Amino acid sequence: DSVDNQILELLNKRANLVLDVGKLKQAE
């Protein structure tokens, strides 16, 4: 359960980075 919580936290961290990439792609 503890590992799953870490995975969930990292997935959301990754998702936020993807959203940042998406904004840059859209701008360019």
mmCIF file of all heavy atoms, coordinates in Angstrom:
data_MODEL
# 
_entry.id   MODEL 
# 
loop_
_atom_site.group_PDB 
_atom_site.id 
_atom_site.type_symbol 
_atom_site.label_atom_id 
_atom_site.label_alt_id 
_atom_site.label_comp_id 
_atom_site.label_asym_id 
_atom_site.label_entity_id 
_atom_site.label_seq_id 
_atom_site.pdbx_PDB_ins_code 
_atom_site.Cartn_x 
_atom_site.Cartn_y 
_atom_site.Cartn_z 
_atom_site.occupancy 
_atom_site.B_iso_or_equiv 
_atom_site.pdbx_formal_charge 
_atom_site.auth_seq_id 
_atom_site.auth_comp_id 
_atom_site.auth_asym_id 
_atom_site.auth_atom_id 
_atom_site.pdbx_PDB_model_num 
ATOM 1   N N   . ASP A 1 1  ? 0.834  -1.208 0.000   1.00 0.00 ? 1  ASP A N   1 
ATOM 2   C CA  . ASP A 1 1  ? 0.000  0.000  0.000   1.00 0.00 ? 1  ASP A CA  1 
ATOM 3   C C   . ASP A 1 1  ? 0.866  1.255  0.000   1.00 0.00 ? 1  ASP A C   1 
ATOM 4   O O   . ASP A 1 1  ? 0.562  2.244  -0.676  1.00 0.00 ? 1  ASP A O   1 
ATOM 5   C CB  . ASP A 1 1  ? -0.928 0.006  1.217   1.00 0.00 ? 1  ASP A CB  1 
ATOM 6   C CG  . ASP A 1 1  ? -2.050 -1.020 1.113   1.00 0.00 ? 1  ASP A CG  1 
ATOM 7   O OD1 . ASP A 1 1  ? -2.273 -1.536 -0.004  1.00 0.00 ? 1  ASP A OD1 1 
ATOM 8   O OD2 . ASP A 1 1  ? -2.687 -1.321 2.136   1.00 0.00 ? 1  ASP A OD2 1 
ATOM 9   N N   . SER A 1 2  ? 1.948  1.206  0.767   1.00 0.00 ? 2  SER A N   1 
ATOM 10  C CA  . SER A 1 2  ? 2.849  2.351  0.830   1.00 0.00 ? 2  SER A CA  1 
ATOM 11  C C   . SER A 1 2  ? 3.504  2.607  -0.529  1.00 0.00 ? 2  SER A C   1 
ATOM 12  O O   . SER A 1 2  ? 3.599  3.757  -0.983  1.00 0.00 ? 2  SER A O   1 
ATOM 13  C CB  . SER A 1 2  ? 3.924  2.106  1.892   1.00 0.00 ? 2  SER A CB  1 
ATOM 14  O OG  . SER A 1 2  ? 4.863  3.159  1.906   1.00 0.00 ? 2  SER A OG  1 
ATOM 15  N N   . VAL A 1 3  ? 3.938  1.517  -1.190  1.00 0.00 ? 3  VAL A N   1 
ATOM 16  C CA  . VAL A 1 3  ? 4.528  1.643  -2.527  1.00 0.00 ? 3  VAL A CA  1 
ATOM 17  C C   . VAL A 1 3  ? 3.501  2.190  -3.516  1.00 0.00 ? 3  VAL A C   1 
ATOM 18  O O   . VAL A 1 3  ? 3.805  3.049  -4.346  1.00 0.00 ? 3  VAL A O   1 
ATOM 19  C CB  . VAL A 1 3  ? 5.090  0.290  -3.011  1.00 0.00 ? 3  VAL A CB  1 
ATOM 20  C CG1 . VAL A 1 3  ? 5.503  0.368  -4.471  1.00 0.00 ? 3  VAL A CG1 1 
ATOM 21  C CG2 . VAL A 1 3  ? 6.272  -0.136 -2.150  1.00 0.00 ? 3  VAL A CG2 1 
ATOM 22  N N   . ASP A 1 4  ? 2.247  1.691  -3.443  1.00 0.00 ? 4  ASP A N   1 
ATOM 23  C CA  . ASP A 1 4  ? 1.187  2.175  -4.333  1.00 0.00 ? 4  ASP A CA  1 
ATOM 24  C C   . ASP A 1 4  ? 0.967  3.671  -4.158  1.00 0.00 ? 4  ASP A C   1 
ATOM 25  O O   . ASP A 1 4  ? 0.739  4.402  -5.141  1.00 0.00 ? 4  ASP A O   1 
ATOM 26  C CB  . ASP A 1 4  ? -0.117 1.419  -4.068  1.00 0.00 ? 4  ASP A CB  1 
ATOM 27  C CG  . ASP A 1 4  ? -0.112 0.012  -4.644  1.00 0.00 ? 4  ASP A CG  1 
ATOM 28  O OD1 . ASP A 1 4  ? 0.713  -0.247 -5.543  1.00 0.00 ? 4  ASP A OD1 1 
ATOM 29  O OD2 . ASP A 1 4  ? -0.923 -0.821 -4.205  1.00 0.00 ? 4  ASP A OD2 1 
ATOM 30  N N   . ASN A 1 5  ? 1.025  4.137  -2.919  1.00 0.00 ? 5  ASN A N   1 
ATOM 31  C CA  . ASN A 1 5  ? 0.850  5.574  -2.667  1.00 0.00 ? 5  ASN A CA  1 
ATOM 32  C C   . ASN A 1 5  ? 1.982  6.372  -3.302  1.00 0.00 ? 5  ASN A C   1 
ATOM 33  O O   . ASN A 1 5  ? 1.771  7.463  -3.845  1.00 0.00 ? 5  ASN A O   1 
ATOM 34  C CB  . ASN A 1 5  ? 0.796  5.846  -1.159  1.00 0.00 ? 5  ASN A CB  1 
ATOM 35  C CG  . ASN A 1 5  ? -0.509 5.374  -0.535  1.00 0.00 ? 5  ASN A CG  1 
ATOM 36  O OD1 . ASN A 1 5  ? -1.510 5.209  -1.223  1.00 0.00 ? 5  ASN A OD1 1 
ATOM 37  N ND2 . ASN A 1 5  ? -0.498 5.140  0.764   1.00 0.00 ? 5  ASN A ND2 1 
ATOM 38  N N   . GLN A 1 6  ? 3.200  5.820  -3.231  1.00 0.00 ? 6  GLN A N   1 
ATOM 39  C CA  . GLN A 1 6  ? 4.344  6.487  -3.865  1.00 0.00 ? 6  GLN A CA  1 
ATOM 40  C C   . GLN A 1 6  ? 4.175  6.523  -5.386  1.00 0.00 ? 6  GLN A C   1 
ATOM 41  O O   . GLN A 1 6  ? 4.478  7.538  -6.027  1.00 0.00 ? 6  GLN A O   1 
ATOM 42  C CB  . GLN A 1 6  ? 5.634  5.758  -3.499  1.00 0.00 ? 6  GLN A CB  1 
ATOM 43  C CG  . GLN A 1 6  ? 6.014  5.850  -2.020  1.00 0.00 ? 6  GLN A CG  1 
ATOM 44  C CD  . GLN A 1 6  ? 7.223  4.983  -1.700  1.00 0.00 ? 6  GLN A CD  1 
ATOM 45  O OE1 . GLN A 1 6  ? 8.255  5.097  -2.338  1.00 0.00 ? 6  GLN A OE1 1 
ATOM 46  N NE2 . GLN A 1 6  ? 7.080  4.102  -0.715  1.00 0.00 ? 6  GLN A NE2 1 
ATOM 47  N N   . ILE A 1 7  ? 3.718  5.399  -5.957  1.00 0.00 ? 7  ILE A N   1 
ATOM 48  C CA  . ILE A 1 7  ? 3.477  5.347  -7.406  1.00 0.00 ? 7  ILE A CA  1 
ATOM 49  C C   . ILE A 1 7  ? 2.435  6.387  -7.806  1.00 0.00 ? 7  ILE A C   1 
ATOM 50  O O   . ILE A 1 7  ? 2.603  7.103  -8.808  1.00 0.00 ? 7  ILE A O   1 
ATOM 51  C CB  . ILE A 1 7  ? 3.037  3.934  -7.829  1.00 0.00 ? 7  ILE A CB  1 
ATOM 52  C CG1 . ILE A 1 7  ? 4.190  2.932  -7.665  1.00 0.00 ? 7  ILE A CG1 1 
ATOM 53  C CG2 . ILE A 1 7  ? 2.541  3.930  -9.282  1.00 0.00 ? 7  ILE A CG2 1 
ATOM 54  C CD1 . ILE A 1 7  ? 3.782  1.489  -7.864  1.00 0.00 ? 7  ILE A CD1 1 
ATOM 55  N N   . LEU A 1 8  ? 1.360  6.476  -7.027  1.00 0.00 ? 8  LEU A N   1 
ATOM 56  C CA  . LEU A 1 8  ? 0.297  7.444  -7.315  1.00 0.00 ? 8  LEU A CA  1 
ATOM 57  C C   . LEU A 1 8  ? 0.834  8.870  -7.276  1.00 0.00 ? 8  LEU A C   1 
ATOM 58  O O   . LEU A 1 8  ? 0.544  9.689  -8.166  1.00 0.00 ? 8  LEU A O   1 
ATOM 59  C CB  . LEU A 1 8  ? -0.839 7.275  -6.306  1.00 0.00 ? 8  LEU A CB  1 
ATOM 60  C CG  . LEU A 1 8  ? -2.029 8.225  -6.455  1.00 0.00 ? 8  LEU A CG  1 
ATOM 61  C CD1 . LEU A 1 8  ? -2.698 8.045  -7.809  1.00 0.00 ? 8  LEU A CD1 1 
ATOM 62  C CD2 . LEU A 1 8  ? -3.026 7.993  -5.323  1.00 0.00 ? 8  LEU A CD2 1 
ATOM 63  N N   . GLU A 1 9  ? 1.643  9.163  -6.265  1.00 0.00 ? 9  GLU A N   1 
ATOM 64  C CA  . GLU A 1 9  ? 2.224  10.506 -6.140  1.00 0.00 ? 9  GLU A CA  1 
ATOM 65  C C   . GLU A 1 9  ? 3.120  10.815 -7.340  1.00 0.00 ? 9  GLU A C   1 
ATOM 66  O O   . GLU A 1 9  ? 3.074  11.917 -7.916  1.00 0.00 ? 9  GLU A O   1 
ATOM 67  C CB  . GLU A 1 9  ? 3.024  10.601 -4.841  1.00 0.00 ? 9  GLU A CB  1 
ATOM 68  C CG  . GLU A 1 9  ? 3.604  11.988 -4.587  1.00 0.00 ? 9  GLU A CG  1 
ATOM 69  C CD  . GLU A 1 9  ? 4.364  12.074 -3.268  1.00 0.00 ? 9  GLU A CD  1 
ATOM 70  O OE1 . GLU A 1 9  ? 4.260  11.138 -2.448  1.00 0.00 ? 9  GLU A OE1 1 
ATOM 71  O OE2 . GLU A 1 9  ? 5.076  13.077 -3.065  1.00 0.00 ? 9  GLU A OE2 1 
ATOM 72  N N   . LEU A 1 10 ? 3.918  9.832  -7.760  1.00 0.00 ? 10 LEU A N   1 
ATOM 73  C CA  . LEU A 1 10 ? 4.827  10.033 -8.891  1.00 0.00 ? 10 LEU A CA  1 
ATOM 74  C C   . LEU A 1 10 ? 4.064  10.147 -10.214 1.00 0.00 ? 10 LEU A C   1 
ATOM 75  O O   . LEU A 1 10 ? 4.478  10.904 -11.102 1.00 0.00 ? 10 LEU A O   1 
ATOM 76  C CB  . LEU A 1 10 ? 5.836  8.885  -8.955  1.00 0.00 ? 10 LEU A CB  1 
ATOM 77  C CG  . LEU A 1 10 ? 6.891  8.874  -7.834  1.00 0.00 ? 10 LEU A CG  1 
ATOM 78  C CD1 . LEU A 1 10 ? 7.705  7.590  -7.874  1.00 0.00 ? 10 LEU A CD1 1 
ATOM 79  C CD2 . LEU A 1 10 ? 7.804  10.092 -7.936  1.00 0.00 ? 10 LEU A CD2 1 
ATOM 80  N N   . LEU A 1 11 ? 2.967  9.399  -10.352 1.00 0.00 ? 11 LEU A N   1 
ATOM 81  C CA  . LEU A 1 11 ? 2.155  9.517  -11.569 1.00 0.00 ? 11 LEU A CA  1 
ATOM 82  C C   . LEU A 1 11 ? 1.593  10.930 -11.709 1.00 0.00 ? 11 LEU A C   1 
ATOM 83  O O   . LEU A 1 11 ? 1.572  11.500 -12.809 1.00 0.00 ? 11 LEU A O   1 
ATOM 84  C CB  . LEU A 1 11 ? 1.015  8.492  -11.548 1.00 0.00 ? 11 LEU A CB  1 
ATOM 85  C CG  . LEU A 1 11 ? 1.386  7.043  -11.870 1.00 0.00 ? 11 LEU A CG  1 
ATOM 86  C CD1 . LEU A 1 11 ? 0.187  6.125  -11.641 1.00 0.00 ? 11 LEU A CD1 1 
ATOM 87  C CD2 . LEU A 1 11 ? 1.871  6.912  -13.314 1.00 0.00 ? 11 LEU A CD2 1 
ATOM 88  N N   . ASN A 1 12 ? 1.135  11.482 -10.618 1.00 0.00 ? 12 ASN A N   1 
ATOM 89  C CA  . ASN A 1 12 ? 0.593  12.849 -10.664 1.00 0.00 ? 12 ASN A CA  1 
ATOM 90  C C   . ASN A 1 12 ? 1.695  13.876 -10.891 1.00 0.00 ? 12 ASN A C   1 
ATOM 91  O O   . ASN A 1 12 ? 1.492  14.883 -11.582 1.00 0.00 ? 12 ASN A O   1 
ATOM 92  C CB  . ASN A 1 12 ? -0.174 13.151 -9.383  1.00 0.00 ? 12 ASN A CB  1 
ATOM 93  C CG  . ASN A 1 12 ? -1.561 12.518 -9.385  1.00 0.00 ? 12 ASN A CG  1 
ATOM 94  O OD1 . ASN A 1 12 ? -2.331 12.705 -10.321 1.00 0.00 ? 12 ASN A OD1 1 
ATOM 95  N ND2 . ASN A 1 12 ? -1.865 11.741 -8.374  1.00 0.00 ? 12 ASN A ND2 1 
ATOM 96  N N   . LYS A 1 13 ? 2.889  13.607 -10.340 1.00 0.00 ? 13 LYS A N   1 
ATOM 97  C CA  . LYS A 1 13 ? 4.035  14.490 -10.592 1.00 0.00 ? 13 LYS A CA  1 
ATOM 98  C C   . LYS A 1 13 ? 4.387  14.444 -12.076 1.00 0.00 ? 13 LYS A C   1 
ATOM 99  O O   . LYS A 1 13 ? 4.643  15.481 -12.698 1.00 0.00 ? 13 LYS A O   1 
ATOM 100 C CB  . LYS A 1 13 ? 5.221  14.040 -9.734  1.00 0.00 ? 13 LYS A CB  1 
ATOM 101 C CG  . LYS A 1 13 ? 6.435  14.948 -9.855  1.00 0.00 ? 13 LYS A CG  1 
ATOM 102 C CD  . LYS A 1 13 ? 7.558  14.502 -8.913  1.00 0.00 ? 13 LYS A CD  1 
ATOM 103 C CE  . LYS A 1 13 ? 8.765  15.423 -9.026  1.00 0.00 ? 13 LYS A CE  1 
ATOM 104 N NZ  . LYS A 1 13 ? 9.868  14.991 -8.114  1.00 0.00 ? 13 LYS A NZ  1 
ATOM 105 N N   . ARG A 1 14 ? 4.382  13.228 -12.652 1.00 0.00 ? 14 ARG A N   1 
ATOM 106 C CA  . ARG A 1 14 ? 4.660  13.070 -14.079 1.00 0.00 ? 14 ARG A CA  1 
ATOM 107 C C   . ARG A 1 14 ? 3.601  13.790 -14.917 1.00 0.00 ? 14 ARG A C   1 
ATOM 108 O O   . ARG A 1 14 ? 3.913  14.442 -15.919 1.00 0.00 ? 14 ARG A O   1 
ATOM 109 C CB  . ARG A 1 14 ? 4.693  11.584 -14.444 1.00 0.00 ? 14 ARG A CB  1 
ATOM 110 C CG  . ARG A 1 14 ? 5.149  11.294 -15.860 1.00 0.00 ? 14 ARG A CG  1 
ATOM 111 C CD  . ARG A 1 14 ? 5.010  9.813  -16.194 1.00 0.00 ? 14 ARG A CD  1 
ATOM 112 N NE  . ARG A 1 14 ? 5.717  9.471  -17.424 1.00 0.00 ? 14 ARG A NE  1 
ATOM 113 C CZ  . ARG A 1 14 ? 5.275  9.694  -18.648 1.00 0.00 ? 14 ARG A CZ  1 
ATOM 114 N NH1 . ARG A 1 14 ? 4.093  10.280 -18.813 1.00 0.00 ? 14 ARG A NH1 1 
ATOM 115 N NH2 . ARG A 1 14 ? 5.989  9.348  -19.699 1.00 0.00 ? 14 ARG A NH2 1 
ATOM 116 N N   . ALA A 1 15 ? 2.328  13.679 -14.488 1.00 0.00 ? 15 ALA A N   1 
ATOM 117 C CA  . ALA A 1 15 ? 1.227  14.305 -15.230 1.00 0.00 ? 15 ALA A CA  1 
ATOM 118 C C   . ALA A 1 15 ? 1.383  15.825 -15.263 1.00 0.00 ? 15 ALA A C   1 
ATOM 119 O O   . ALA A 1 15 ? 1.115  16.469 -16.288 1.00 0.00 ? 15 ALA A O   1 
ATOM 120 C CB  . ALA A 1 15 ? -0.109 13.918 -14.609 1.00 0.00 ? 15 ALA A CB  1 
ATOM 121 N N   . ASN A 1 16 ? 1.821  16.411 -14.166 1.00 0.00 ? 16 ASN A N   1 
ATOM 122 C CA  . ASN A 1 16 ? 2.025  17.862 -14.132 1.00 0.00 ? 16 ASN A CA  1 
ATOM 123 C C   . ASN A 1 16 ? 3.150  18.281 -15.084 1.00 0.00 ? 16 ASN A C   1 
ATOM 124 O O   . ASN A 1 16 ? 3.068  19.326 -15.745 1.00 0.00 ? 16 ASN A O   1 
ATOM 125 C CB  . ASN A 1 16 ? 2.338  18.317 -12.701 1.00 0.00 ? 16 ASN A CB  1 
ATOM 126 C CG  . ASN A 1 16 ? 1.081  18.409 -11.837 1.00 0.00 ? 16 ASN A CG  1 
ATOM 127 O OD1 . ASN A 1 16 ? 0.039  18.866 -12.310 1.00 0.00 ? 16 ASN A OD1 1 
ATOM 128 N ND2 . ASN A 1 16 ? 1.167  17.969 -10.602 1.00 0.00 ? 16 ASN A ND2 1 
ATOM 129 N N   . LEU A 1 17 ? 4.215  17.470 -15.153 1.00 0.00 ? 17 LEU A N   1 
ATOM 130 C CA  . LEU A 1 17 ? 5.297  17.755 -16.088 1.00 0.00 ? 17 LEU A CA  1 
ATOM 131 C C   . LEU A 1 17 ? 4.811  17.662 -17.540 1.00 0.00 ? 17 LEU A C   1 
ATOM 132 O O   . LEU A 1 17 ? 5.189  18.472 -18.387 1.00 0.00 ? 17 LEU A O   1 
ATOM 133 C CB  . LEU A 1 17 ? 6.458  16.784 -15.858 1.00 0.00 ? 17 LEU A CB  1 
ATOM 134 C CG  . LEU A 1 17 ? 7.215  16.947 -14.532 1.00 0.00 ? 17 LEU A CG  1 
ATOM 135 C CD1 . LEU A 1 17 ? 8.171  15.779 -14.313 1.00 0.00 ? 17 LEU A CD1 1 
ATOM 136 C CD2 . LEU A 1 17 ? 7.981  18.269 -14.501 1.00 0.00 ? 17 LEU A CD2 1 
ATOM 137 N N   . VAL A 1 18 ? 3.958  16.660 -17.806 1.00 0.00 ? 18 VAL A N   1 
ATOM 138 C CA  . VAL A 1 18 ? 3.386  16.496 -19.147 1.00 0.00 ? 18 VAL A CA  1 
ATOM 139 C C   . VAL A 1 18 ? 2.543  17.718 -19.516 1.00 0.00 ? 18 VAL A C   1 
ATOM 140 O O   . VAL A 1 18 ? 2.590  18.193 -20.658 1.00 0.00 ? 18 VAL A O   1 
ATOM 141 C CB  . VAL A 1 18 ? 2.545  15.205 -19.214 1.00 0.00 ? 18 VAL A CB  1 
ATOM 142 C CG1 . VAL A 1 18 ? 1.681  15.182 -20.471 1.00 0.00 ? 18 VAL A CG1 1 
ATOM 143 C CG2 . VAL A 1 18 ? 3.454  13.981 -19.183 1.00 0.00 ? 18 VAL A CG2 1 
ATOM 144 N N   . LEU A 1 19 ? 1.772  18.233 -18.562 1.00 0.00 ? 19 LEU A N   1 
ATOM 145 C CA  . LEU A 1 19 ? 0.958  19.421 -18.826 1.00 0.00 ? 19 LEU A CA  1 
ATOM 146 C C   . LEU A 1 19 ? 1.844  20.616 -19.165 1.00 0.00 ? 19 LEU A C   1 
ATOM 147 O O   . LEU A 1 19 ? 1.503  21.429 -20.046 1.00 0.00 ? 19 LEU A O   1 
ATOM 148 C CB  . LEU A 1 19 ? 0.082  19.734 -17.610 1.00 0.00 ? 19 LEU A CB  1 
ATOM 149 C CG  . LEU A 1 19 ? -1.101 18.773 -17.392 1.00 0.00 ? 19 LEU A CG  1 
ATOM 150 C CD1 . LEU A 1 19 ? -1.770 19.052 -16.057 1.00 0.00 ? 19 LEU A CD1 1 
ATOM 151 C CD2 . LEU A 1 19 ? -2.122 18.905 -18.521 1.00 0.00 ? 19 LEU A CD2 1 
ATOM 152 N N   . ASP A 1 20 ? 2.998  20.736 -18.497 1.00 0.00 ? 20 ASP A N   1 
ATOM 153 C CA  . ASP A 1 20 ? 3.936  21.814 -18.807 1.00 0.00 ? 20 ASP A CA  1 
ATOM 154 C C   . ASP A 1 20 ? 4.489  21.661 -20.230 1.00 0.00 ? 20 ASP A C   1 
ATOM 155 O O   . ASP A 1 20 ? 4.610  22.647 -20.967 1.00 0.00 ? 20 ASP A O   1 
ATOM 156 C CB  . ASP A 1 20 ? 5.090  21.811 -17.798 1.00 0.00 ? 20 ASP A CB  1 
ATOM 157 C CG  . ASP A 1 20 ? 4.642  22.242 -16.398 1.00 0.00 ? 20 ASP A CG  1 
ATOM 158 O OD1 . ASP A 1 20 ? 3.578  22.897 -16.295 1.00 0.00 ? 20 ASP A OD1 1 
ATOM 159 O OD2 . ASP A 1 20 ? 5.352  21.928 -15.430 1.00 0.00 ? 20 ASP A OD2 1 
ATOM 160 N N   . VAL A 1 21 ? 4.821  20.418 -20.591 1.00 0.00 ? 21 VAL A N   1 
ATOM 161 C CA  . VAL A 1 21 ? 5.300  20.144 -21.950 1.00 0.00 ? 21 VAL A CA  1 
ATOM 162 C C   . VAL A 1 21 ? 4.219  20.505 -22.971 1.00 0.00 ? 21 VAL A C   1 
ATOM 163 O O   . VAL A 1 21 ? 4.498  21.103 -24.010 1.00 0.00 ? 21 VAL A O   1 
ATOM 164 C CB  . VAL A 1 21 ? 5.716  18.659 -22.099 1.00 0.00 ? 21 VAL A CB  1 
ATOM 165 C CG1 . VAL A 1 21 ? 5.968  18.326 -23.569 1.00 0.00 ? 21 VAL A CG1 1 
ATOM 166 C CG2 . VAL A 1 21 ? 6.954  18.365 -21.279 1.00 0.00 ? 21 VAL A CG2 1 
ATOM 167 N N   . GLY A 1 22 ? 2.965  20.149 -22.649 1.00 0.00 ? 22 GLY A N   1 
ATOM 168 C CA  . GLY A 1 22 ? 1.847  20.431 -23.540 1.00 0.00 ? 22 GLY A CA  1 
ATOM 169 C C   . GLY A 1 22 ? 1.677  21.921 -23.811 1.00 0.00 ? 22 GLY A C   1 
ATOM 170 O O   . GLY A 1 22 ? 1.402  22.336 -24.949 1.00 0.00 ? 22 GLY A O   1 
ATOM 171 N N   . LYS A 1 23 ? 1.869  22.731 -22.777 1.00 0.00 ? 23 LYS A N   1 
ATOM 172 C CA  . LYS A 1 23 ? 1.743  24.185 -22.938 1.00 0.00 ? 23 LYS A CA  1 
ATOM 173 C C   . LYS A 1 23 ? 2.827  24.722 -23.877 1.00 0.00 ? 23 LYS A C   1 
ATOM 174 O O   . LYS A 1 23 ? 2.574  25.592 -24.717 1.00 0.00 ? 23 LYS A O   1 
ATOM 175 C CB  . LYS A 1 23 ? 1.833  24.865 -21.571 1.00 0.00 ? 23 LYS A CB  1 
ATOM 176 C CG  . LYS A 1 23 ? 0.635  24.613 -20.674 1.00 0.00 ? 23 LYS A CG  1 
ATOM 177 C CD  . LYS A 1 23 ? 0.863  25.183 -19.277 1.00 0.00 ? 23 LYS A CD  1 
ATOM 178 C CE  . LYS A 1 23 ? -0.306 24.832 -18.348 1.00 0.00 ? 23 LYS A CE  1 
ATOM 179 N NZ  . LYS A 1 23 ? -0.046 25.268 -16.954 1.00 0.00 ? 23 LYS A NZ  1 
ATOM 180 N N   . LEU A 1 24 ? 4.042  24.178 -23.712 1.00 0.00 ? 24 LEU A N   1 
ATOM 181 C CA  . LEU A 1 24 ? 5.143  24.608 -24.579 1.00 0.00 ? 24 LEU A CA  1 
ATOM 182 C C   . LEU A 1 24 ? 4.908  24.165 -26.020 1.00 0.00 ? 24 LEU A C   1 
ATOM 183 O O   . LEU A 1 24 ? 5.175  24.921 -26.965 1.00 0.00 ? 24 LEU A O   1 
ATOM 184 C CB  . LEU A 1 24 ? 6.471  24.036 -24.060 1.00 0.00 ? 24 LEU A CB  1 
ATOM 185 C CG  . LEU A 1 24 ? 6.953  24.604 -22.718 1.00 0.00 ? 24 LEU A CG  1 
ATOM 186 C CD1 . LEU A 1 24 ? 8.182  23.843 -22.228 1.00 0.00 ? 24 LEU A CD1 1 
ATOM 187 C CD2 . LEU A 1 24 ? 7.281  26.092 -22.847 1.00 0.00 ? 24 LEU A CD2 1 
ATOM 188 N N   . LYS A 1 25 ? 4.407  22.942 -26.205 1.00 0.00 ? 25 LYS A N   1 
ATOM 189 C CA  . LYS A 1 25 ? 4.100  22.454 -27.554 1.00 0.00 ? 25 LYS A CA  1 
ATOM 190 C C   . LYS A 1 25 ? 3.048  23.334 -28.217 1.00 0.00 ? 25 LYS A C   1 
ATOM 191 O O   . LYS A 1 25 ? 3.144  23.673 -29.401 1.00 0.00 ? 25 LYS A O   1 
ATOM 192 C CB  . LYS A 1 25 ? 3.592  21.008 -27.490 1.00 0.00 ? 25 LYS A CB  1 
ATOM 193 C CG  . LYS A 1 25 ? 4.661  19.959 -27.237 1.00 0.00 ? 25 LYS A CG  1 
ATOM 194 C CD  . LYS A 1 25 ? 4.017  18.577 -27.207 1.00 0.00 ? 25 LYS A CD  1 
ATOM 195 C CE  . LYS A 1 25 ? 5.016  17.477 -26.955 1.00 0.00 ? 25 LYS A CE  1 
ATOM 196 N NZ  . LYS A 1 25 ? 4.352  16.150 -26.855 1.00 0.00 ? 25 LYS A NZ  1 
ATOM 197 N N   . GLN A 1 26 ? 2.035  23.690 -27.433 1.00 0.00 ? 26 GLN A N   1 
ATOM 198 C CA  . GLN A 1 26 ? 0.947  24.505 -27.987 1.00 0.00 ? 26 GLN A CA  1 
ATOM 199 C C   . GLN A 1 26 ? 1.462  25.879 -28.386 1.00 0.00 ? 26 GLN A C   1 
ATOM 200 O O   . GLN A 1 26 ? 1.099  26.416 -29.445 1.00 0.00 ? 26 GLN A O   1 
ATOM 201 C CB  . GLN A 1 26 ? -0.168 24.629 -26.962 1.00 0.00 ? 26 GLN A CB  1 
ATOM 202 C CG  . GLN A 1 26 ? -1.463 25.194 -27.520 1.00 0.00 ? 26 GLN A CG  1 
ATOM 203 C CD  . GLN A 1 26 ? -2.626 25.031 -26.547 1.00 0.00 ? 26 GLN A CD  1 
ATOM 204 O OE1 . GLN A 1 26 ? -2.421 24.870 -25.343 1.00 0.00 ? 26 GLN A OE1 1 
ATOM 205 N NE2 . GLN A 1 26 ? -3.837 25.067 -27.052 1.00 0.00 ? 26 GLN A NE2 1 
ATOM 206 N N   . ALA A 1 27 ? 2.325  26.440 -27.565 1.00 0.00 ? 27 ALA A N   1 
ATOM 207 C CA  . ALA A 1 27 ? 2.866  27.769 -27.856 1.00 0.00 ? 27 ALA A CA  1 
ATOM 208 C C   . ALA A 1 27 ? 3.724  27.763 -29.113 1.00 0.00 ? 27 ALA A C   1 
ATOM 209 O O   . ALA A 1 27 ? 3.757  28.744 -29.864 1.00 0.00 ? 27 ALA A O   1 
ATOM 210 C CB  . ALA A 1 27 ? 3.685  28.267 -26.667 1.00 0.00 ? 27 ALA A CB  1 
ATOM 211 N N   . GLU A 1 28 ? 4.415  26.638 -29.371 1.00 0.00 ? 28 GLU A N   1 
ATOM 212 C CA  . GLU A 1 28 ? 5.307  26.534 -30.527 1.00 0.00 ? 28 GLU A CA  1 
ATOM 213 C C   . GLU A 1 28 ? 4.659  25.812 -31.707 1.00 0.00 ? 28 GLU A C   1 
ATOM 214 O O   . GLU A 1 28 ? 5.315  25.574 -32.720 1.00 0.00 ? 28 GLU A O   1 
ATOM 215 C CB  . GLU A 1 28 ? 6.587  25.797 -30.124 1.00 0.00 ? 28 GLU A CB  1 
ATOM 216 C CG  . GLU A 1 28 ? 7.400  26.495 -29.049 1.00 0.00 ? 28 GLU A CG  1 
ATOM 217 C CD  . GLU A 1 28 ? 8.003  27.801 -29.528 1.00 0.00 ? 28 GLU A CD  1 
ATOM 218 O OE1 . GLU A 1 28 ? 8.300  27.906 -30.736 1.00 0.00 ? 28 GLU A OE1 1 
ATOM 219 O OE2 . GLU A 1 28 ? 8.170  28.718 -28.701 1.00 0.00 ? 28 GLU A OE2 1 
# 
